[in-house]
Amino acid sequence: MTRSNADTPSTLCRNLTLASTPNVIHLVETVVDEIRTEFQFKDDVYGNVMVAVTEAVNNSIHHGNKGDETKKVYIDFEMKNPYRLLVRVRDEGDGFDPSSLDDPTAPENVGKIGGRGVFLMTHLSDELIFAEDGRQVEMIFNI
């Protein structure tokens, strides 16, 4: 894991480079906890950030990098201003087309195990943007 911090009056950056193994999730949770403490997120925002970010990282590990431990997941946390947190998660996989995902709320999909990660990230963040052919997701949270 590589980790760096850079602080300015208007922007806090924390960057993580992680191996594609599930046991790195606790490191992501620790960084979210640190940022929450520093910027005093409300409980509901904290929960949204924690769930959405860990879901994005899990998706990168399992679906993007397909569990290949030689591939990395890159995470950037950036305060855009005192009230907006940008979290960018990128993997080294082949990417995907988010519009091709099934609607998890459709009756035929409700009973399926899985398939709700992007739905959760969309509803828990204030903005969600896919880039780099689906290898990167940017989530913005109003804190």
C-alpha atoms as a PDB file:
ATOM      1  CA  MET A   1       0.000   0.000   0.000  1.00  0.00           C
ATOM      2  CA  THR A   2       1.169   3.505  -0.778  1.00  0.00           C
ATOM      3  CA  ARG A   3      -0.331   6.404   1.115  1.00  0.00           C
ATOM      4  CA  SER A   4       0.263  10.129   0.909  1.00  0.00           C
ATOM      5  CA  ASN A   5      -1.362  13.225   2.356  1.00  0.00           C
ATOM      6  CA  ALA A   6      -1.350  16.798   1.110  1.00  0.00           C
ATOM      7  CA  ASP A   7      -3.228  19.546   2.906  1.00  0.00           C
ATOM      8  CA  THR A   8      -4.131  23.022   1.730  1.00  0.00           C
ATOM      9  CA  PRO A   9      -6.685  25.399   3.232  1.00  0.00           C
ATOM     10  CA  SER A  10      -9.349  24.304   0.734  1.00  0.00           C
ATOM     11  CA  THR A  11      -8.315  20.769  -0.252  1.00  0.00           C
ATOM     12  CA  LEU A  12      -7.345  17.690   1.673  1.00  0.00           C
ATOM     13  CA  CYS A  13      -5.972  14.810  -0.361  1.00  0.00           C
ATOM     14  CA  ARG A  14      -5.419  11.267   0.709  1.00  0.00           C
ATOM     15  CA  ASN A  15      -4.278   8.820  -1.929  1.00  0.00           C
ATOM     16  CA  LEU A  16      -4.184   5.053  -1.543  1.00  0.00           C
ATOM     17  CA  THR A  17      -2.741   2.419  -3.846  1.00  0.00           C
ATOM     18  CA  LEU A  18      -3.918  -1.009  -2.758  1.00  0.00           C
ATOM     19  CA  ALA A  19      -3.490  -4.603  -3.868  1.00  0.00           C
ATOM     20  CA  SER A  20      -6.656  -6.316  -5.101  1.00  0.00           C
ATOM     21  CA  THR A  21      -7.303  -8.305  -1.943  1.00  0.00           C
ATOM     22  CA  PRO A  22     -10.411  -8.064   0.251  1.00  0.00           C
ATOM     23  CA  ASN A  23      -8.331  -7.582   3.404  1.00  0.00           C
ATOM     24  CA  VAL A  24      -7.453  -4.005   2.318  1.00  0.00           C
ATOM     25  CA  ILE A  25     -10.995  -2.781   2.995  1.00  0.00           C
ATOM     26  CA  HIS A  26     -10.094  -1.997   6.616  1.00  0.00           C
ATOM     27  CA  LEU A  27      -7.470   0.478   5.351  1.00  0.00           C
ATOM     28  CA  VAL A  28     -10.134   2.290   3.329  1.00  0.00           C
ATOM     29  CA  GLU A  29     -12.422   2.342   6.371  1.00  0.00           C
ATOM     30  CA  THR A  30      -9.615   3.845   8.458  1.00  0.00           C
ATOM     31  CA  VAL A  31      -9.108   6.686   5.970  1.00  0.00           C
ATOM     32  CA  VAL A  32     -12.859   7.392   5.845  1.00  0.00           C
ATOM     33  CA  ASP A  33     -12.828   7.502   9.662  1.00  0.00           C
ATOM     34  CA  GLU A  34      -9.890   9.941   9.650  1.00  0.00           C
ATOM     35  CA  ILE A  35     -11.567  12.258   7.147  1.00  0.00           C
ATOM     36  CA  ARG A  36     -14.842  12.118   9.054  1.00  0.00           C
ATOM     37  CA  THR A  37     -13.077  13.122  12.268  1.00  0.00           C
ATOM     38  CA  GLU A  38     -11.208  15.936  10.583  1.00  0.00           C
ATOM     39  CA  PHE A  39     -14.234  17.384   8.787  1.00  0.00           C
ATOM     40  CA  GLN A  40     -16.904  16.376  11.315  1.00  0.00           C
ATOM     41  CA  PHE A  41     -19.338  14.717   8.918  1.00  0.00           C
ATOM     42  CA  LYS A  42     -22.860  14.174  10.128  1.00  0.00           C
ATOM     43  CA  ASP A  43     -23.654  10.554  10.957  1.00  0.00           C
ATOM     44  CA  ASP A  44     -25.842  10.030   7.884  1.00  0.00           C
ATOM     45  CA  VAL A  45     -23.193  11.434   5.524  1.00  0.00           C
ATOM     46  CA  TYR A  46     -20.523   9.314   7.207  1.00  0.00           C
ATOM     47  CA  GLY A  47     -22.608   6.183   6.668  1.00  0.00           C
ATOM     48  CA  ASN A  48     -23.218   7.069   3.028  1.00  0.00           C
ATOM     49  CA  VAL A  49     -19.510   7.694   2.383  1.00  0.00           C
ATOM     50  CA  MET A  50     -18.428   4.511   4.168  1.00  0.00           C
ATOM     51  CA  VAL A  51     -20.875   2.220   2.366  1.00  0.00           C
ATOM     52  CA  ALA A  52     -20.455   3.779  -1.091  1.00  0.00           C
ATOM     53  CA  VAL A  53     -16.655   3.892  -0.967  1.00  0.00           C
ATOM     54  CA  THR A  54     -16.208   0.366   0.371  1.00  0.00           C
ATOM     55  CA  GLU A  55     -18.680  -0.878  -2.253  1.00  0.00           C
ATOM     56  CA  ALA A  56     -16.705   0.869  -5.019  1.00  0.00           C
ATOM     57  CA  VAL A  57     -13.442  -0.645  -3.770  1.00  0.00           C
ATOM     58  CA  ASN A  58     -14.998  -4.108  -3.496  1.00  0.00           C
ATOM     59  CA  ASN A  59     -16.324  -3.765  -7.049  1.00  0.00           C
ATOM     60  CA  SER A  60     -12.851  -2.778  -8.265  1.00  0.00           C
ATOM     61  CA  ILE A  61     -11.255  -5.759  -6.536  1.00  0.00           C
ATOM     62  CA  HIS A  62     -13.817  -8.411  -7.514  1.00  0.00           C
ATOM     63  CA  HIS A  63     -15.302  -7.224 -10.815  1.00  0.00           C
ATOM     64  CA  GLY A  64     -12.719  -4.814 -12.231  1.00  0.00           C
ATOM     65  CA  ASN A  65      -9.471  -6.551 -11.331  1.00  0.00           C
ATOM     66  CA  LYS A  66     -11.181  -9.949 -10.971  1.00  0.00           C
ATOM     67  CA  GLY A  67      -9.287 -10.690  -7.755  1.00  0.00           C
ATOM     68  CA  ASP A  68      -5.902 -10.506  -9.506  1.00  0.00           C
ATOM     69  CA  GLU A  69      -3.627  -9.522  -6.616  1.00  0.00           C
ATOM     70  CA  THR A  70      -1.018  -8.150  -9.035  1.00  0.00           C
ATOM     71  CA  LYS A  71      -3.472  -5.447 -10.132  1.00  0.00           C
ATOM     72  CA  LYS A  72      -3.977  -2.311  -8.064  1.00  0.00           C
ATOM     73  CA  VAL A  73      -6.899  -0.220  -6.887  1.00  0.00           C
ATOM     74  CA  TYR A  74      -6.274   3.534  -6.665  1.00  0.00           C
ATOM     75  CA  ILE A  75      -8.337   5.710  -4.334  1.00  0.00           C
ATOM     76  CA  ASP A  76      -8.205   9.493  -4.057  1.00  0.00           C
ATOM     77  CA  PHE A  77     -10.036  11.470  -1.379  1.00  0.00           C
ATOM     78  CA  GLU A  78     -10.204  15.186  -2.083  1.00  0.00           C
ATOM     79  CA  MET A  79     -12.064  18.021  -0.391  1.00  0.00           C
ATOM     80  CA  LYS A  80     -13.256  20.228  -3.242  1.00  0.00           C
ATOM     81  CA  ASN A  81     -14.314  22.902  -0.763  1.00  0.00           C
ATOM     82  CA  PRO A  82     -15.302  22.748   2.903  1.00  0.00           C
ATOM     83  CA  TYR A  83     -18.598  21.092   1.991  1.00  0.00           C
ATOM     84  CA  ARG A  84     -17.858  18.668  -0.875  1.00  0.00           C
ATOM     85  CA  LEU A  85     -15.852  15.477  -0.734  1.00  0.00           C
ATOM     86  CA  LEU A  86     -14.745  13.823  -3.986  1.00  0.00           C
ATOM     87  CA  VAL A  87     -13.772  10.155  -3.848  1.00  0.00           C
ATOM     88  CA  ARG A  88     -12.261   8.612  -6.969  1.00  0.00           C
ATOM     89  CA  VAL A  89     -11.785   4.818  -7.220  1.00  0.00           C
ATOM     90  CA  ARG A  90      -9.958   3.343 -10.215  1.00  0.00           C
ATOM     91  CA  ASP A  91      -8.899  -0.192 -11.084  1.00  0.00           C
ATOM     92  CA  GLU A  92      -6.742  -1.867 -13.728  1.00  0.00           C
ATOM     93  CA  GLY A  93      -9.504  -4.039 -15.176  1.00  0.00           C
ATOM     94  CA  ASP A  94     -11.127  -4.065 -18.603  1.00  0.00           C
ATOM     95  CA  GLY A  95     -13.869  -1.622 -17.618  1.00  0.00           C
ATOM     96  CA  PHE A  96     -17.597  -1.967 -18.214  1.00  0.00           C
ATOM     97  CA  ASP A  97     -20.617  -0.097 -19.492  1.00  0.00           C
ATOM     98  CA  PRO A  98     -22.689   1.035 -16.483  1.00  0.00           C
ATOM     99  CA  SER A  99     -25.770   1.392 -18.686  1.00  0.00           C
ATOM    100  CA  SER A 100     -25.666  -2.368 -19.293  1.00  0.00           C
ATOM    101  CA  LEU A 101     -26.390  -3.159 -15.638  1.00  0.00           C
ATOM    102  CA  ASP A 102     -29.738  -4.680 -14.738  1.00  0.00           C
ATOM    103  CA  ASP A 103     -32.106  -2.605 -12.606  1.00  0.00           C
ATOM    104  CA  PRO A 104     -31.908  -4.267  -9.162  1.00  0.00           C
ATOM    105  CA  THR A 105     -35.386  -2.941  -8.291  1.00  0.00           C
ATOM    106  CA  ALA A 106     -37.056  -4.690 -11.246  1.00  0.00           C
ATOM    107  CA  PRO A 107     -39.261  -7.572 -10.061  1.00  0.00           C
ATOM    108  CA  GLU A 108     -37.168 -10.173 -11.893  1.00  0.00           C
ATOM    109  CA  ASN A 109     -33.988  -8.957 -10.149  1.00  0.00           C
ATOM    110  CA  VAL A 110     -35.204  -8.371  -6.595  1.00  0.00           C
ATOM    111  CA  GLY A 111     -34.407 -11.920  -5.481  1.00  0.00           C
ATOM    112  CA  LYS A 112     -30.943 -12.023  -7.035  1.00  0.00           C
ATOM    113  CA  ILE A 113     -27.897 -12.101  -4.813  1.00  0.00           C
ATOM    114  CA  GLY A 114     -25.638  -9.216  -5.781  1.00  0.00           C
ATOM    115  CA  GLY A 115     -26.096  -6.612  -8.457  1.00  0.00           C
ATOM    116  CA  ARG A 116     -26.876  -3.703  -6.148  1.00  0.00           C
ATOM    117  CA  GLY A 117     -23.484  -2.046  -5.736  1.00  0.00           C
ATOM    118  CA  VAL A 118     -23.785   0.655  -8.389  1.00  0.00           C
ATOM    119  CA  PHE A 119     -27.406   1.225  -7.347  1.00  0.00           C
ATOM    120  CA  LEU A 120     -26.238   1.834  -3.758  1.00  0.00           C
ATOM    121  CA  MET A 121     -23.374   4.090  -4.815  1.00  0.00           C
ATOM    122  CA  THR A 122     -25.756   6.125  -6.987  1.00  0.00           C
ATOM    123  CA  HIS A 123     -28.257   6.610  -4.185  1.00  0.00           C
ATOM    124  CA  LEU A 124     -25.757   7.204  -1.376  1.00  0.00           C
ATOM    125  CA  SER A 125     -23.621   9.786  -3.179  1.00  0.00           C
ATOM    126  CA  ASP A 126     -24.781  13.208  -4.325  1.00  0.00           C
ATOM    127  CA  GLU A 127     -23.131  12.731  -7.730  1.00  0.00           C
ATOM    128  CA  LEU A 128     -21.731   9.618  -9.400  1.00  0.00           C
ATOM    129  CA  ILE A 129     -19.667   9.693 -12.586  1.00  0.00           C
ATOM    130  CA  PHE A 130     -18.076   6.775 -14.431  1.00  0.00           C
ATOM    131  CA  ALA A 131     -14.928   7.448 -16.464  1.00  0.00           C
ATOM    132  CA  GLU A 132     -12.121   5.598 -18.229  1.00  0.00           C
ATOM    133  CA  ASP A 133     -14.532   3.130 -19.872  1.00  0.00           C
ATOM    134  CA  GLY A 134     -15.947   2.125 -16.491  1.00  0.00           C
ATOM    135  CA  ARG A 135     -12.588   1.577 -14.801  1.00  0.00           C
ATOM    136  CA  GLN A 136     -13.066   4.677 -12.646  1.00  0.00           C
ATOM    137  CA  VAL A 137     -15.921   5.976 -10.559  1.00  0.00           C
ATOM    138  CA  GLU A 138     -16.081   9.434  -9.009  1.00  0.00           C
ATOM    139  CA  MET A 139     -18.463  10.034  -6.135  1.00  0.00           C
ATOM    140  CA  ILE A 140     -19.204  13.455  -4.705  1.00  0.00           C
ATOM    141  CA  PHE A 141     -20.701  13.826  -1.251  1.00  0.00           C
ATOM    142  CA  ASN A 142     -22.109  17.057   0.157  1.00  0.00           C
ATOM    143  CA  ILE A 143     -20.917  17.068   3.713  1.00  0.00           C
END
